[in-house]
Amino acid sequence: MPKAYWIARVDVRDAEGYKPYTAANASPFKKYGARFLVRGGKFETVEGTSRSRNVVIEFKDYATALACYNSPEYQEALALRLPHSTADLIIIEGYDGQQP
């Protein structure tokens, strides 16, 4: 079964206001076995548009990634983020097939 990922692009308007979100999301991420692959970091936009912060979080499978997002714990954390940021977030199933 392929892994799944949250891929987020975020613009944080209020860094201090955003901090409670990062503290609150730790619990649901731990509960659902989330693993950060990208959490901020240096980047260069070579095509299209971007936001100021990029995040990729790995989950054991698609159902778990969706369950984490829809969980009451994450929804509480999300409510803390929304007033302080704008984001694009997708939940996507990984590719587990043949490679070139």
C-alpha atoms as a PDB file:
ATOM      1  CA  MET A   1       0.000   0.000   0.000  1.00  0.00           C
ATOM      2  CA  PRO A   2       1.490   3.374  -0.991  1.00  0.00           C
ATOM      3  CA  LYS A   3       2.210   6.049   1.544  1.00  0.00           C
ATOM      4  CA  ALA A   4       0.333   9.349   1.428  1.00  0.00           C
ATOM      5  CA  TYR A   5       1.376  12.951   1.864  1.00  0.00           C
ATOM      6  CA  TRP A   6       0.100  16.312   2.888  1.00  0.00           C
ATOM      7  CA  ILE A   7       1.665  18.919   0.631  1.00  0.00           C
ATOM      8  CA  ALA A   8       1.138  22.421   1.946  1.00  0.00           C
ATOM      9  CA  ARG A   9       2.174  25.861   0.760  1.00  0.00           C
ATOM     10  CA  VAL A  10       1.638  28.504   3.429  1.00  0.00           C
ATOM     11  CA  ASP A  11       1.922  32.262   3.831  1.00  0.00           C
ATOM     12  CA  VAL A  12       2.088  33.166   7.518  1.00  0.00           C
ATOM     13  CA  ARG A  13       0.793  36.681   8.216  1.00  0.00           C
ATOM     14  CA  ASP A  14       1.410  36.649  11.978  1.00  0.00           C
ATOM     15  CA  ALA A  15       4.327  34.491  13.182  1.00  0.00           C
ATOM     16  CA  GLU A  16       3.455  34.888  16.876  1.00  0.00           C
ATOM     17  CA  GLY A  17      -0.180  34.036  16.233  1.00  0.00           C
ATOM     18  CA  TYR A  18       0.895  30.968  14.227  1.00  0.00           C
ATOM     19  CA  LYS A  19       2.910  29.445  17.095  1.00  0.00           C
ATOM     20  CA  PRO A  20      -0.096  27.970  18.962  1.00  0.00           C
ATOM     21  CA  TYR A  21      -0.993  26.051  15.794  1.00  0.00           C
ATOM     22  CA  THR A  22       2.439  24.417  15.585  1.00  0.00           C
ATOM     23  CA  ALA A  23       2.172  23.421  19.253  1.00  0.00           C
ATOM     24  CA  ALA A  24      -1.368  22.067  18.841  1.00  0.00           C
ATOM     25  CA  ASN A  25      -0.714  20.039  15.693  1.00  0.00           C
ATOM     26  CA  ALA A  26       1.952  17.923  17.412  1.00  0.00           C
ATOM     27  CA  SER A  27      -0.615  15.741  19.159  1.00  0.00           C
ATOM     28  CA  PRO A  28      -2.645  14.681  16.103  1.00  0.00           C
ATOM     29  CA  PHE A  29       0.504  14.292  14.020  1.00  0.00           C
ATOM     30  CA  LYS A  30       1.949  11.938  16.634  1.00  0.00           C
ATOM     31  CA  LYS A  31      -1.361  10.052  16.960  1.00  0.00           C
ATOM     32  CA  TYR A  32      -1.501   9.427  13.191  1.00  0.00           C
ATOM     33  CA  GLY A  33       2.201   8.674  12.736  1.00  0.00           C
ATOM     34  CA  ALA A  34       2.979  11.768  10.660  1.00  0.00           C
ATOM     35  CA  ARG A  35       6.562  12.355   9.600  1.00  0.00           C
ATOM     36  CA  PHE A  36       7.827  15.704   8.322  1.00  0.00           C
ATOM     37  CA  LEU A  37       9.846  15.383   5.119  1.00  0.00           C
ATOM     38  CA  VAL A  38       9.891  19.119   4.420  1.00  0.00           C
ATOM     39  CA  ARG A  39       9.217  21.785   7.038  1.00  0.00           C
ATOM     40  CA  GLY A  40      10.107  25.204   5.722  1.00  0.00           C
ATOM     41  CA  GLY A  41      13.641  25.347   4.426  1.00  0.00           C
ATOM     42  CA  LYS A  42      15.362  27.018   1.540  1.00  0.00           C
ATOM     43  CA  PHE A  43      13.644  26.803  -1.845  1.00  0.00           C
ATOM     44  CA  GLU A  44      13.567  28.398  -5.268  1.00  0.00           C
ATOM     45  CA  THR A  45      10.434  28.745  -7.376  1.00  0.00           C
ATOM     46  CA  VAL A  46      11.476  27.637 -10.852  1.00  0.00           C
ATOM     47  CA  GLU A  47       7.963  27.438 -12.371  1.00  0.00           C
ATOM     48  CA  GLY A  48       4.560  28.809 -11.426  1.00  0.00           C
ATOM     49  CA  THR A  49       3.799  30.517  -8.138  1.00  0.00           C
ATOM     50  CA  SER A  50       4.747  29.808  -4.558  1.00  0.00           C
ATOM     51  CA  ARG A  51       4.040  30.763  -0.989  1.00  0.00           C
ATOM     52  CA  SER A  52       6.628  31.633   1.641  1.00  0.00           C
ATOM     53  CA  ARG A  53       6.601  28.269   3.459  1.00  0.00           C
ATOM     54  CA  ASN A  54       6.397  24.691   2.140  1.00  0.00           C
ATOM     55  CA  VAL A  55       5.631  21.542   4.104  1.00  0.00           C
ATOM     56  CA  VAL A  56       5.456  17.859   3.128  1.00  0.00           C
ATOM     57  CA  ILE A  57       4.214  15.386   5.725  1.00  0.00           C
ATOM     58  CA  GLU A  58       4.280  11.615   5.186  1.00  0.00           C
ATOM     59  CA  PHE A  59       1.635   9.167   6.463  1.00  0.00           C
ATOM     60  CA  LYS A  60       1.537   5.385   6.268  1.00  0.00           C
ATOM     61  CA  ASP A  61      -1.380   5.473   3.789  1.00  0.00           C
ATOM     62  CA  TYR A  62      -4.077   7.656   2.241  1.00  0.00           C
ATOM     63  CA  ALA A  63      -6.795   6.711   4.752  1.00  0.00           C
ATOM     64  CA  THR A  64      -4.545   7.709   7.659  1.00  0.00           C
ATOM     65  CA  ALA A  65      -3.647  11.038   6.048  1.00  0.00           C
ATOM     66  CA  LEU A  66      -7.337  11.859   5.582  1.00  0.00           C
ATOM     67  CA  ALA A  67      -8.225  10.660   9.083  1.00  0.00           C
ATOM     68  CA  CYS A  68      -5.602  12.944  10.592  1.00  0.00           C
ATOM     69  CA  TYR A  69      -6.902  15.996   8.723  1.00  0.00           C
ATOM     70  CA  ASN A  70     -10.520  15.238   9.638  1.00  0.00           C
ATOM     71  CA  SER A  71      -9.783  14.367  13.262  1.00  0.00           C
ATOM     72  CA  PRO A  72     -11.219  16.602  15.998  1.00  0.00           C
ATOM     73  CA  GLU A  73      -7.671  17.137  17.288  1.00  0.00           C
ATOM     74  CA  TYR A  74      -6.377  18.487  13.993  1.00  0.00           C
ATOM     75  CA  GLN A  75      -9.500  20.543  13.347  1.00  0.00           C
ATOM     76  CA  GLU A  76      -8.921  22.276  16.700  1.00  0.00           C
ATOM     77  CA  ALA A  77      -5.331  23.025  15.671  1.00  0.00           C
ATOM     78  CA  LEU A  78      -6.477  24.228  12.248  1.00  0.00           C
ATOM     79  CA  ALA A  79      -8.824  26.745  13.861  1.00  0.00           C
ATOM     80  CA  LEU A  80      -5.742  28.266  15.517  1.00  0.00           C
ATOM     81  CA  ARG A  81      -3.937  28.586  12.171  1.00  0.00           C
ATOM     82  CA  LEU A  82      -6.651  30.015   9.956  1.00  0.00           C
ATOM     83  CA  PRO A  83      -6.664  33.587  11.338  1.00  0.00           C
ATOM     84  CA  HIS A  84      -2.880  33.859  10.931  1.00  0.00           C
ATOM     85  CA  SER A  85      -2.124  32.279   7.559  1.00  0.00           C
ATOM     86  CA  THR A  86      -3.293  31.421   4.065  1.00  0.00           C
ATOM     87  CA  ALA A  87      -2.545  27.954   2.750  1.00  0.00           C
ATOM     88  CA  ASP A  88      -2.957  25.544  -0.126  1.00  0.00           C
ATOM     89  CA  LEU A  89      -3.062  21.952   1.133  1.00  0.00           C
ATOM     90  CA  ILE A  90      -3.533  18.732  -0.765  1.00  0.00           C
ATOM     91  CA  ILE A  91      -3.616  15.181   0.529  1.00  0.00           C
ATOM     92  CA  ILE A  92      -2.226  12.844  -2.087  1.00  0.00           C
ATOM     93  CA  GLU A  93      -1.513   9.152  -2.397  1.00  0.00           C
ATOM     94  CA  GLY A  94       2.088   8.296  -3.148  1.00  0.00           C
ATOM     95  CA  TYR A  95       3.302   6.313  -6.114  1.00  0.00           C
ATOM     96  CA  ASP A  96       4.302   2.749  -5.384  1.00  0.00           C
ATOM     97  CA  GLY A  97       4.884   1.529  -8.949  1.00  0.00           C
ATOM     98  CA  GLN A  98       7.825   0.829 -11.162  1.00  0.00           C
ATOM     99  CA  GLN A  99      10.513   3.474 -11.450  1.00  0.00           C
ATOM    100  CA  PRO A 100      12.480   4.377 -14.578  1.00  0.00           C
END
